[in-house]
Amino acid sequence: MTQHRLSTAKKIGFTLGDYASNIYWQSVSIFLLFFYTDAVGIPAATAGLIYMIASIVDALQDPIMGSIADRTRSRWGRYRPYILFGCVPLGLSFVLLYWRPPFFEGTALVLWMLFTHIVFRTAYTVVTIPYTSLNARLTDNSDERSTIAGWRMIFGVLAAMTIIYLTFPLVTRFGGSSATTGFTWAAAVFAIVATAIYPLVVRITREPPEAVGDEPRLSLAGYWRALAPNRAFWVLIAATVAAFVCSVALGKSVLYYFKYVLNDEPASRTALVGMSAIGLVSIPMWVWITKYIGKRNAWFAGTAIGIVLLTVFAVSDFGTPLVMTVWLLLWSLGTLGLSMTFWSMLPDTVEYGEWKTGERTESFIFGLFQFFLKVALGVGAGLFGWLLERVGYVANAQQSAETIAGIKDIMIWLPGAGFIVAGIAMIFYPIRKGTHEAIVEELAARRASAPPPGV
């Protein structure tokens, strides 16, 4: 039976897995495209295409992995076996992701980078879909889920700080004049750390025992039929995809903006570390705000803050690293609420769907959500790479005034459009403050009045 309340120790033990997962995710999100363009030497549009194709292939695997995990039964539970036995292949694939073979050039090199990216994404899916699906089984209390989402974000922030603070020093330490070699060894260090954490999560976290009659019943087609009426899930998908397919451009622009617009690449490290560190303040703030105004209203608040800050950026000239860093800190303070909120909303859509159809499809929901999220991030990265080349970007060269203006336009108009569409979509989200609690009570009453299996 799912627990309503969890101890702080259990919350930390579970969410520690987000530190390991984000070691990989933050590195890929922040540095991989830069590694492709400025270390390996792949053209920006091609690098973006690699990222987009791998993300879409990865996304196609997520709902399948979710349905497999949903139907798994073992003495370790549904999800923990994948975390335990998948962590080593995941670590090895991460090192491979950042290895540039000396014997490949041109098309062969591009195909190799695409291949290793897909291998890594597959290994990442096998571990992280079961891990995130555990979220819905640990507790059915909406406030507890907000707290868990907060802890997950905190560990994600700490992982981001680790990646940002240590990547370039490790690249320099191990690579010397060869950035590609340095990236490979840095990836190896990070993979060792992440791989060591997952078994701890498996040991600390216990899955609730399966309820009577909770055996897997649905085929893949059955999952889709059960999910179709789940309006809460589909609205959350629309809002999240709109926000992330566009806002990814801003995050990936930071390294390029500091290096080529502000001519101070080392300052980007300070800015990125600060953006992550501010999360340690903003995430508890957003957890508190969400409990008082509800998740839907918290989403609107984060969206409004993002639009206001983009407007300030559009009408101002941020000509120094300090001013740009301050703006990025404010951006993170205001918009991290979106990331925390959608992760706390997602488990609530599980009960909403069960309430509507009588079928509980948590792993499939988490898998399908990650499918759309990864497609959004992949399309966003591909779009960013294409636009970067369209505005005349040339790696490791002085950029023209038109290119510099183009980089700023990309950072403004894409996120702005995404935030507006996301805010409009969230108007139709059916779970208001108090709605989820009522749904959980009704589901409990249904289970209590249901006849025993076979009767």
Protein backbone atom coordinates (compact mmCIF):
# COMPACT_ATOMS: atom_id res chain seq x y z
CA MET A 1 0.00 0.00 0.00
CA THR A 2 1.26 3.46 -0.86
CA GLN A 3 2.27 5.50 2.19
CA HIS A 4 0.79 8.93 2.85
CA ARG A 5 3.75 10.35 4.79
CA LEU A 6 7.47 9.68 4.43
CA SER A 7 10.29 10.44 6.83
CA THR A 8 12.87 13.01 5.80
CA ALA A 9 15.49 10.25 5.71
CA LYS A 10 13.43 8.24 3.22
CA LYS A 11 12.83 11.31 1.07
CA ILE A 12 16.54 12.08 0.96
CA GLY A 13 17.45 8.44 0.35
CA PHE A 14 15.14 8.31 -2.67
CA THR A 15 15.92 11.74 -4.12
CA LEU A 16 19.66 11.15 -3.85
CA GLY A 17 19.14 9.31 -7.13
CA ASP A 18 18.45 12.66 -8.76
CA TYR A 19 22.00 13.73 -7.97
CA ALA A 20 23.29 10.71 -9.92
CA SER A 21 20.82 11.15 -12.77
CA ASN A 22 21.55 14.86 -13.06
CA ILE A 23 25.29 14.29 -13.15
CA TYR A 24 24.55 12.84 -16.56
CA TRP A 25 21.62 15.03 -17.56
CA GLN A 26 23.19 18.36 -16.64
CA SER A 27 26.41 17.50 -18.43
CA VAL A 28 24.52 16.58 -21.60
CA SER A 29 22.27 19.65 -21.31
CA ILE A 30 25.01 22.20 -20.65
CA PHE A 31 28.20 20.91 -22.26
CA LEU A 32 27.50 18.28 -24.92
CA LEU A 33 26.50 20.64 -27.74
CA PHE A 34 29.48 22.87 -26.87
CA PHE A 35 31.70 19.73 -26.89
CA TYR A 36 30.44 18.87 -30.37
CA THR A 37 30.98 22.35 -31.85
CA ASP A 38 34.02 23.76 -30.04
CA ALA A 39 36.00 20.60 -29.08
CA VAL A 40 35.19 18.01 -31.77
CA GLY A 41 34.66 20.66 -34.48
CA ILE A 42 31.25 19.57 -35.78
CA PRO A 43 29.22 22.37 -37.46
CA ALA A 44 26.52 23.84 -35.22
CA ALA A 45 23.58 22.73 -37.35
CA THR A 46 24.95 19.17 -37.60
CA ALA A 47 25.62 19.09 -33.86
CA GLY A 48 22.07 20.22 -33.18
CA LEU A 49 20.75 17.56 -35.57
CA ILE A 50 22.71 14.83 -33.73
CA TYR A 51 21.26 16.03 -30.45
CA MET A 52 17.72 16.18 -31.86
CA ILE A 53 17.79 12.72 -33.51
CA ALA A 54 19.22 11.05 -30.39
CA SER A 55 16.64 12.78 -28.20
CA ILE A 56 13.75 11.64 -30.38
CA VAL A 57 15.03 8.04 -30.55
CA ASP A 58 15.42 8.17 -26.78
CA ALA A 59 11.93 9.57 -26.37
CA LEU A 60 10.40 6.74 -28.44
CA GLN A 61 11.86 4.27 -25.94
CA ASP A 62 10.39 5.93 -22.85
CA PRO A 63 6.73 4.78 -23.00
CA ILE A 64 7.89 1.27 -23.97
CA MET A 65 10.24 1.18 -20.98
CA GLY A 66 7.43 2.53 -18.82
CA SER A 67 5.06 -0.27 -19.86
CA ILE A 68 7.82 -2.88 -19.28
CA ALA A 69 8.52 -1.52 -15.80
CA ASP A 70 4.79 -1.39 -15.00
CA ARG A 71 4.51 -5.10 -15.76
CA THR A 72 7.67 -6.16 -13.94
CA ARG A 73 7.33 -8.16 -10.72
CA SER A 74 10.37 -9.35 -8.77
CA ARG A 75 11.57 -9.85 -5.22
CA TRP A 76 13.23 -6.41 -5.49
CA GLY A 77 10.00 -4.77 -6.69
CA ARG A 78 8.93 -3.32 -10.02
CA TYR A 79 11.55 -0.64 -10.47
CA ARG A 80 14.62 -1.17 -8.33
CA PRO A 81 16.14 -4.02 -10.43
CA TYR A 82 16.52 -1.66 -13.40
CA ILE A 83 18.23 0.96 -11.24
CA LEU A 84 20.62 -1.56 -9.68
CA PHE A 85 21.64 -3.51 -12.76
CA GLY A 86 21.45 -0.65 -15.24
CA CYS A 87 23.75 1.81 -13.49
CA VAL A 88 27.06 0.30 -14.69
CA PRO A 89 26.15 0.20 -18.42
CA LEU A 90 24.87 3.77 -18.01
CA GLY A 91 28.21 4.94 -16.61
CA LEU A 92 30.19 3.25 -19.37
CA SER A 93 27.96 4.71 -22.09
CA PHE A 94 28.48 8.20 -20.63
CA VAL A 95 32.24 7.91 -21.02
CA LEU A 96 31.74 6.67 -24.59
CA LEU A 97 29.55 9.70 -25.27
CA TYR A 98 32.51 12.04 -24.70
CA TRP A 99 35.14 9.96 -26.53
CA ARG A 100 36.32 11.23 -29.91
CA PRO A 101 37.92 8.36 -31.85
CA PRO A 102 41.14 9.55 -33.55
CA PHE A 103 40.49 7.32 -36.58
CA PHE A 104 37.15 8.89 -37.59
CA GLU A 105 36.69 12.08 -39.60
CA GLY A 106 33.88 13.71 -41.53
CA THR A 107 30.71 11.67 -41.96
CA ALA A 108 32.12 8.71 -40.04
CA LEU A 109 32.79 10.95 -37.04
CA VAL A 110 29.28 12.39 -37.16
CA LEU A 111 27.75 8.90 -37.32
CA TRP A 112 29.92 7.76 -34.40
CA MET A 113 28.80 10.68 -32.27
CA LEU A 114 25.18 9.95 -33.15
CA PHE A 115 25.62 6.26 -32.32
CA THR A 116 27.21 6.89 -28.91
CA HIS A 117 24.56 9.48 -28.10
CA ILE A 118 21.79 6.97 -28.82
CA VAL A 119 23.54 4.26 -26.77
CA PHE A 120 23.83 6.62 -23.82
CA ARG A 121 20.21 7.73 -24.10
CA THR A 122 19.03 4.11 -24.15
CA ALA A 123 21.01 3.25 -21.01
CA TYR A 124 19.73 6.42 -19.34
CA THR A 125 16.13 5.47 -20.12
CA VAL A 126 16.49 1.97 -18.65
CA VAL A 127 17.57 3.45 -15.31
CA THR A 128 15.67 6.71 -15.01
CA ILE A 129 12.16 5.73 -16.16
CA PRO A 130 11.85 3.15 -13.35
CA TYR A 131 13.48 5.60 -10.93
CA THR A 132 11.06 8.45 -11.65
CA SER A 133 8.11 6.03 -11.65
CA LEU A 134 8.89 5.19 -8.03
CA ASN A 135 7.77 8.71 -7.19
CA ALA A 136 4.09 7.85 -7.67
CA ARG A 137 4.31 4.69 -5.54
CA LEU A 138 6.09 6.12 -2.53
CA THR A 139 3.21 8.42 -1.52
CA ASP A 140 -0.20 9.52 -2.79
CA ASN A 141 -0.21 12.75 -0.76
CA SER A 142 0.00 15.82 -3.00
CA ASP A 143 1.89 17.99 -0.48
CA GLU A 144 4.38 15.18 0.15
CA ARG A 145 4.93 14.97 -3.59
CA SER A 146 5.67 18.68 -3.68
CA THR A 147 8.23 18.17 -0.93
CA ILE A 148 9.78 15.22 -2.78
CA ALA A 149 9.87 17.30 -5.97
CA GLY A 150 11.67 19.99 -3.98
CA TRP A 151 14.28 17.54 -2.69
CA ARG A 152 14.70 16.16 -6.21
CA MET A 153 15.30 19.64 -7.55
CA ILE A 154 17.79 20.40 -4.77
CA PHE A 155 19.84 17.33 -5.62
CA GLY A 156 19.51 18.23 -9.29
CA VAL A 157 20.86 21.69 -8.50
CA LEU A 158 23.77 20.22 -6.52
CA ALA A 159 24.57 17.95 -9.47
CA ALA A 160 24.44 20.91 -11.83
CA MET A 161 26.82 22.84 -9.58
CA THR A 162 29.18 19.86 -9.54
CA ILE A 163 29.14 19.59 -13.33
CA ILE A 164 29.52 23.32 -13.94
CA TYR A 165 32.21 23.88 -11.34
CA LEU A 166 34.36 20.84 -12.15
CA THR A 167 33.99 20.15 -15.89
CA PHE A 168 36.42 22.71 -17.31
CA PRO A 169 39.02 22.23 -14.51
CA LEU A 170 38.91 18.46 -15.10
CA VAL A 171 39.14 18.95 -18.86
CA THR A 172 42.21 21.15 -18.36
CA ARG A 173 43.73 18.83 -15.75
CA PHE A 174 43.42 15.63 -17.77
CA GLY A 175 43.46 16.95 -21.32
CA GLY A 176 46.09 19.66 -21.37
CA SER A 177 46.02 20.99 -24.91
CA SER A 178 43.56 18.29 -26.03
CA ALA A 179 40.04 19.31 -25.00
CA THR A 180 38.54 16.11 -26.36
CA THR A 181 40.79 13.92 -24.18
CA GLY A 182 40.01 16.12 -21.19
CA PHE A 183 36.28 15.74 -21.72
CA THR A 184 36.63 11.93 -21.88
CA TRP A 185 38.47 11.75 -18.54
CA ALA A 186 36.10 14.23 -16.94
CA ALA A 187 33.19 12.02 -18.04
CA ALA A 188 34.90 9.01 -16.46
CA VAL A 189 35.21 10.80 -13.11
CA PHE A 190 31.56 11.83 -13.14
CA ALA A 191 30.42 8.34 -14.19
CA ILE A 192 32.23 6.73 -11.24
CA VAL A 193 30.48 9.06 -8.80
CA ALA A 194 27.02 8.54 -10.29
CA THR A 195 27.41 4.77 -10.57
CA ALA A 196 28.30 4.52 -6.88
CA ILE A 197 25.13 6.36 -5.83
CA TYR A 198 22.44 4.25 -7.49
CA PRO A 199 23.02 1.11 -5.35
CA LEU A 200 22.64 3.31 -2.25
CA VAL A 201 19.26 4.48 -3.52
CA VAL A 202 18.18 0.89 -4.11
CA ARG A 203 19.27 -0.07 -0.60
CA ILE A 204 17.58 2.86 1.15
CA THR A 205 14.34 2.96 -0.85
CA ARG A 206 11.71 0.29 -0.42
CA GLU A 207 8.80 -0.14 -2.78
CA PRO A 208 5.40 -0.58 -1.11
CA PRO A 209 4.10 -4.15 -1.40
CA GLU A 210 1.79 -4.88 -4.29
CA ALA A 211 -1.90 -4.65 -3.44
CA VAL A 212 -4.14 -7.67 -4.00
CA GLY A 213 -5.34 -7.63 -7.57
CA ASP A 214 -2.61 -5.21 -8.61
CA GLU A 215 -1.12 -7.59 -11.16
CA PRO A 216 -0.37 -6.16 -14.62
CA ARG A 217 -3.45 -6.32 -16.81
CA LEU A 218 -3.00 -3.92 -19.69
CA SER A 219 -1.48 -4.40 -23.10
CA LEU A 220 0.33 -1.52 -24.76
CA ALA A 221 -2.90 -0.62 -26.59
CA GLY A 222 -4.71 -0.83 -23.26
CA TYR A 223 -2.35 1.72 -21.75
CA TRP A 224 -3.19 4.17 -24.53
CA ARG A 225 -6.94 3.63 -24.04
CA ALA A 226 -6.60 4.19 -20.30
CA LEU A 227 -4.56 7.35 -20.83
CA ALA A 228 -6.70 8.97 -23.53
CA PRO A 229 -9.32 10.51 -21.14
CA ASN A 230 -6.63 11.85 -18.76
CA ARG A 231 -7.04 15.57 -19.49
CA ALA A 232 -4.71 16.59 -16.65
CA PHE A 233 -1.87 14.62 -18.21
CA TRP A 234 -2.37 15.96 -21.72
CA VAL A 235 -2.63 19.59 -20.59
CA LEU A 236 0.57 19.18 -18.56
CA ILE A 237 2.24 17.70 -21.65
CA ALA A 238 1.17 20.64 -23.83
CA ALA A 239 2.35 23.23 -21.32
CA THR A 240 5.67 21.51 -20.64
CA VAL A 241 6.51 20.89 -24.29
CA ALA A 242 5.77 24.51 -25.18
CA ALA A 243 7.92 25.82 -22.34
CA PHE A 244 10.88 23.54 -22.90
CA VAL A 245 11.09 23.32 -26.68
CA CYS A 246 11.71 27.06 -26.67
CA SER A 247 13.44 27.85 -23.36
CA VAL A 248 16.19 25.28 -23.99
CA ALA A 249 17.69 27.86 -26.35
CA LEU A 250 18.41 30.21 -23.48
CA GLY A 251 20.18 27.60 -21.38
CA LYS A 252 22.35 26.44 -24.26
CA SER A 253 23.17 30.02 -25.22
CA VAL A 254 24.94 30.89 -21.97
CA LEU A 255 28.36 29.45 -22.92
CA TYR A 256 28.20 31.02 -26.37
CA TYR A 257 26.97 34.40 -25.07
CA PHE A 258 29.79 34.77 -22.57
CA LYS A 259 32.47 33.50 -24.96
CA TYR A 260 31.52 35.41 -28.09
CA VAL A 261 29.30 38.34 -27.05
CA LEU A 262 30.90 39.32 -23.73
CA ASN A 263 34.37 37.96 -24.64
CA ASP A 264 34.74 36.41 -21.17
CA GLU A 265 34.34 32.64 -21.37
CA PRO A 266 35.60 31.98 -17.77
CA ALA A 267 32.79 34.19 -16.43
CA SER A 268 30.25 31.72 -17.84
CA ARG A 269 31.35 29.24 -15.20
CA THR A 270 30.54 31.73 -12.44
CA ALA A 271 27.17 32.49 -13.99
CA LEU A 272 26.23 28.84 -14.41
CA VAL A 273 27.31 27.94 -10.88
CA GLY A 274 25.30 30.89 -9.58
CA MET A 275 22.24 29.83 -11.57
CA SER A 276 22.43 26.41 -9.96
CA ALA A 277 23.21 27.71 -6.46
CA ILE A 278 20.22 30.06 -6.53
CA GLY A 279 18.09 26.93 -6.78
CA LEU A 280 18.99 26.09 -3.19
CA VAL A 281 17.08 29.24 -2.25
CA SER A 282 14.36 29.27 -4.88
CA ILE A 283 13.28 25.62 -4.63
CA PRO A 284 12.27 25.74 -0.93
CA MET A 285 10.57 29.04 -1.74
CA TRP A 286 8.59 27.46 -4.57
CA VAL A 287 7.67 24.44 -2.41
CA TRP A 288 6.21 26.84 0.16
CA ILE A 289 4.43 28.92 -2.49
CA THR A 290 2.97 25.80 -4.13
CA LYS A 291 1.49 24.55 -0.86
CA TYR A 292 -0.31 27.86 -0.33
CA ILE A 293 -1.49 28.85 -3.81
CA GLY A 294 -1.57 25.47 -5.55
CA LYS A 295 0.55 23.98 -8.31
CA ARG A 296 -1.41 25.48 -11.18
CA ASN A 297 -1.13 29.02 -9.82
CA ALA A 298 2.56 28.48 -9.09
CA TRP A 299 2.99 27.60 -12.78
CA PHE A 300 1.31 30.87 -13.78
CA ALA A 301 3.56 32.80 -11.39
CA GLY A 302 6.75 31.26 -12.81
CA THR A 303 5.56 31.88 -16.38
CA ALA A 304 4.81 35.54 -15.66
CA ILE A 305 8.23 36.07 -14.06
CA GLY A 306 9.93 34.53 -17.10
CA ILE A 307 8.09 36.77 -19.55
CA VAL A 308 8.86 39.91 -17.53
CA LEU A 309 12.57 39.06 -17.35
CA LEU A 310 12.76 38.35 -21.08
CA THR A 311 11.18 41.74 -21.73
CA VAL A 312 13.85 43.40 -19.56
CA PHE A 313 16.58 41.55 -21.48
CA ALA A 314 15.06 42.60 -24.81
CA VAL A 315 15.03 46.33 -24.04
CA SER A 316 18.37 46.46 -22.18
CA ASP A 317 22.02 46.24 -23.17
CA PHE A 318 23.75 43.68 -20.97
CA GLY A 319 27.30 44.56 -21.92
CA THR A 320 29.18 43.18 -18.90
CA PRO A 321 29.43 39.67 -17.42
CA LEU A 322 28.28 40.97 -14.02
CA VAL A 323 25.01 42.41 -15.33
CA MET A 324 24.30 39.29 -17.39
CA THR A 325 25.07 37.06 -14.42
CA VAL A 326 22.67 38.99 -12.19
CA TRP A 327 19.95 38.68 -14.82
CA LEU A 328 20.55 34.92 -15.14
CA LEU A 329 20.33 34.53 -11.36
CA LEU A 330 16.96 36.30 -11.36
CA TRP A 331 15.87 34.12 -14.28
CA SER A 332 16.70 30.95 -12.36
CA LEU A 333 15.07 32.25 -9.18
CA GLY A 334 11.81 32.87 -11.02
CA THR A 335 11.61 30.03 -13.50
CA LEU A 336 12.92 27.07 -11.50
CA GLY A 337 9.39 26.98 -10.12
CA LEU A 338 8.23 25.59 -13.46
CA SER A 339 10.62 22.65 -13.31
CA MET A 340 9.68 21.84 -9.73
CA THR A 341 5.97 22.28 -10.39
CA PHE A 342 5.67 19.99 -13.40
CA TRP A 343 7.49 17.19 -11.56
CA SER A 344 5.09 17.53 -8.62
CA MET A 345 2.07 17.76 -10.94
CA LEU A 346 2.93 14.63 -12.89
CA PRO A 347 2.26 12.08 -10.10
CA ASP A 348 -1.10 13.76 -9.45
CA THR A 349 -2.15 12.95 -13.02
CA VAL A 350 -1.75 9.25 -12.15
CA GLU A 351 -4.61 9.37 -9.63
CA TYR A 352 -6.61 11.64 -11.91
CA GLY A 353 -6.38 9.03 -14.66
CA GLU A 354 -7.25 6.20 -12.27
CA TRP A 355 -10.24 8.23 -11.05
CA LYS A 356 -11.44 8.72 -14.63
CA THR A 357 -10.89 5.20 -16.00
CA GLY A 358 -10.28 2.83 -13.09
CA GLU A 359 -6.84 1.95 -14.47
CA ARG A 360 -3.56 2.99 -12.82
CA THR A 361 -0.74 3.46 -15.38
CA GLU A 362 2.00 5.24 -13.46
CA SER A 363 5.07 3.93 -15.28
CA PHE A 364 3.49 4.44 -18.67
CA ILE A 365 2.55 8.00 -17.69
CA PHE A 366 6.08 8.76 -16.52
CA GLY A 367 7.55 7.12 -19.59
CA LEU A 368 5.27 8.95 -22.00
CA PHE A 369 5.85 12.24 -20.20
CA GLN A 370 9.60 11.80 -20.57
CA PHE A 371 9.01 10.94 -24.23
CA PHE A 372 7.43 14.33 -24.84
CA LEU A 373 9.92 16.13 -22.61
CA LYS A 374 12.90 14.64 -24.43
CA VAL A 375 11.36 15.34 -27.83
CA ALA A 376 10.86 18.95 -26.73
CA LEU A 377 14.43 19.26 -25.50
CA GLY A 378 15.78 17.54 -28.62
CA VAL A 379 13.78 19.69 -31.00
CA GLY A 380 14.80 22.75 -28.99
CA ALA A 381 18.47 21.80 -29.24
CA GLY A 382 18.18 21.07 -32.95
CA LEU A 383 16.37 24.35 -33.52
CA PHE A 384 19.01 26.21 -31.52
CA GLY A 385 21.87 24.67 -33.51
CA TRP A 386 20.14 25.45 -36.81
CA LEU A 387 19.40 29.04 -35.80
CA LEU A 388 22.96 29.48 -34.52
CA GLU A 389 24.28 28.58 -37.95
CA ARG A 390 21.63 30.72 -39.65
CA VAL A 391 22.80 33.83 -37.80
CA GLY A 392 26.36 33.19 -39.03
CA TYR A 393 28.02 31.50 -36.03
CA VAL A 394 31.53 30.12 -36.65
CA ALA A 395 33.21 28.20 -33.81
CA ASN A 396 36.34 29.66 -32.22
CA ALA A 397 36.24 32.82 -34.37
CA GLN A 398 35.32 36.48 -33.93
CA GLN A 399 31.57 36.81 -34.54
CA SER A 400 30.05 39.57 -36.63
CA ALA A 401 27.72 42.22 -35.18
CA GLU A 402 24.82 40.53 -36.98
CA THR A 403 25.69 37.17 -35.39
CA ILE A 404 25.92 38.70 -31.92
CA ALA A 405 22.51 40.35 -32.39
CA GLY A 406 21.15 37.04 -33.70
CA ILE A 407 22.34 35.13 -30.62
CA LYS A 408 20.50 37.59 -28.38
CA ASP A 409 17.35 37.34 -30.49
CA ILE A 410 17.41 33.54 -30.15
CA MET A 411 17.67 33.89 -26.36
CA ILE A 412 14.65 36.21 -26.23
CA TRP A 413 12.05 35.23 -28.79
CA LEU A 414 12.10 31.44 -28.51
CA PRO A 415 11.67 31.30 -24.71
CA GLY A 416 9.12 34.12 -24.85
CA ALA A 417 6.92 32.30 -27.35
CA GLY A 418 7.18 29.07 -25.38
CA PHE A 419 6.25 30.67 -22.06
CA ILE A 420 3.19 32.38 -23.54
CA VAL A 421 1.88 29.15 -25.10
CA ALA A 422 2.62 27.22 -21.89
CA GLY A 423 0.68 29.72 -19.79
CA ILE A 424 -2.32 29.52 -22.11
CA ALA A 425 -2.28 25.70 -22.04
CA MET A 426 -2.23 25.57 -18.23
CA ILE A 427 -5.55 27.45 -18.11
CA PHE A 428 -7.18 24.12 -19.04
CA TYR A 429 -5.47 22.06 -16.30
CA PRO A 430 -8.36 20.47 -14.34
CA ILE A 431 -6.63 19.81 -10.98
CA ARG A 432 -7.06 22.86 -8.76
CA LYS A 433 -5.93 23.26 -5.17
CA GLY A 434 -7.84 20.65 -3.13
CA THR A 435 -9.01 18.64 -6.16
CA HIS A 436 -6.33 15.97 -5.87
CA GLU A 437 -7.03 15.35 -2.19
CA ALA A 438 -10.69 14.73 -2.99
CA ILE A 439 -9.74 12.33 -5.80
CA VAL A 440 -7.46 10.33 -3.50
CA GLU A 441 -10.23 10.03 -0.89
CA GLU A 442 -12.71 8.82 -3.51
CA LEU A 443 -10.24 6.25 -4.85
CA ALA A 444 -9.65 4.96 -1.31
CA ALA A 445 -13.40 4.60 -0.83
CA ARG A 446 -13.72 2.71 -4.12
CA ARG A 447 -10.98 0.27 -3.10
CA ALA A 448 -12.56 -0.27 0.32
CA SER A 449 -15.96 -1.07 -1.19
CA ALA A 450 -14.66 -3.24 -4.05
CA PRO A 451 -15.32 -6.99 -3.72
CA PRO A 452 -12.31 -9.27 -3.26
CA PRO A 453 -10.81 -10.70 -6.49
CA GLY A 454 -12.71 -13.68 -7.76
CA VAL A 455 -15.93 -12.78 -5.99
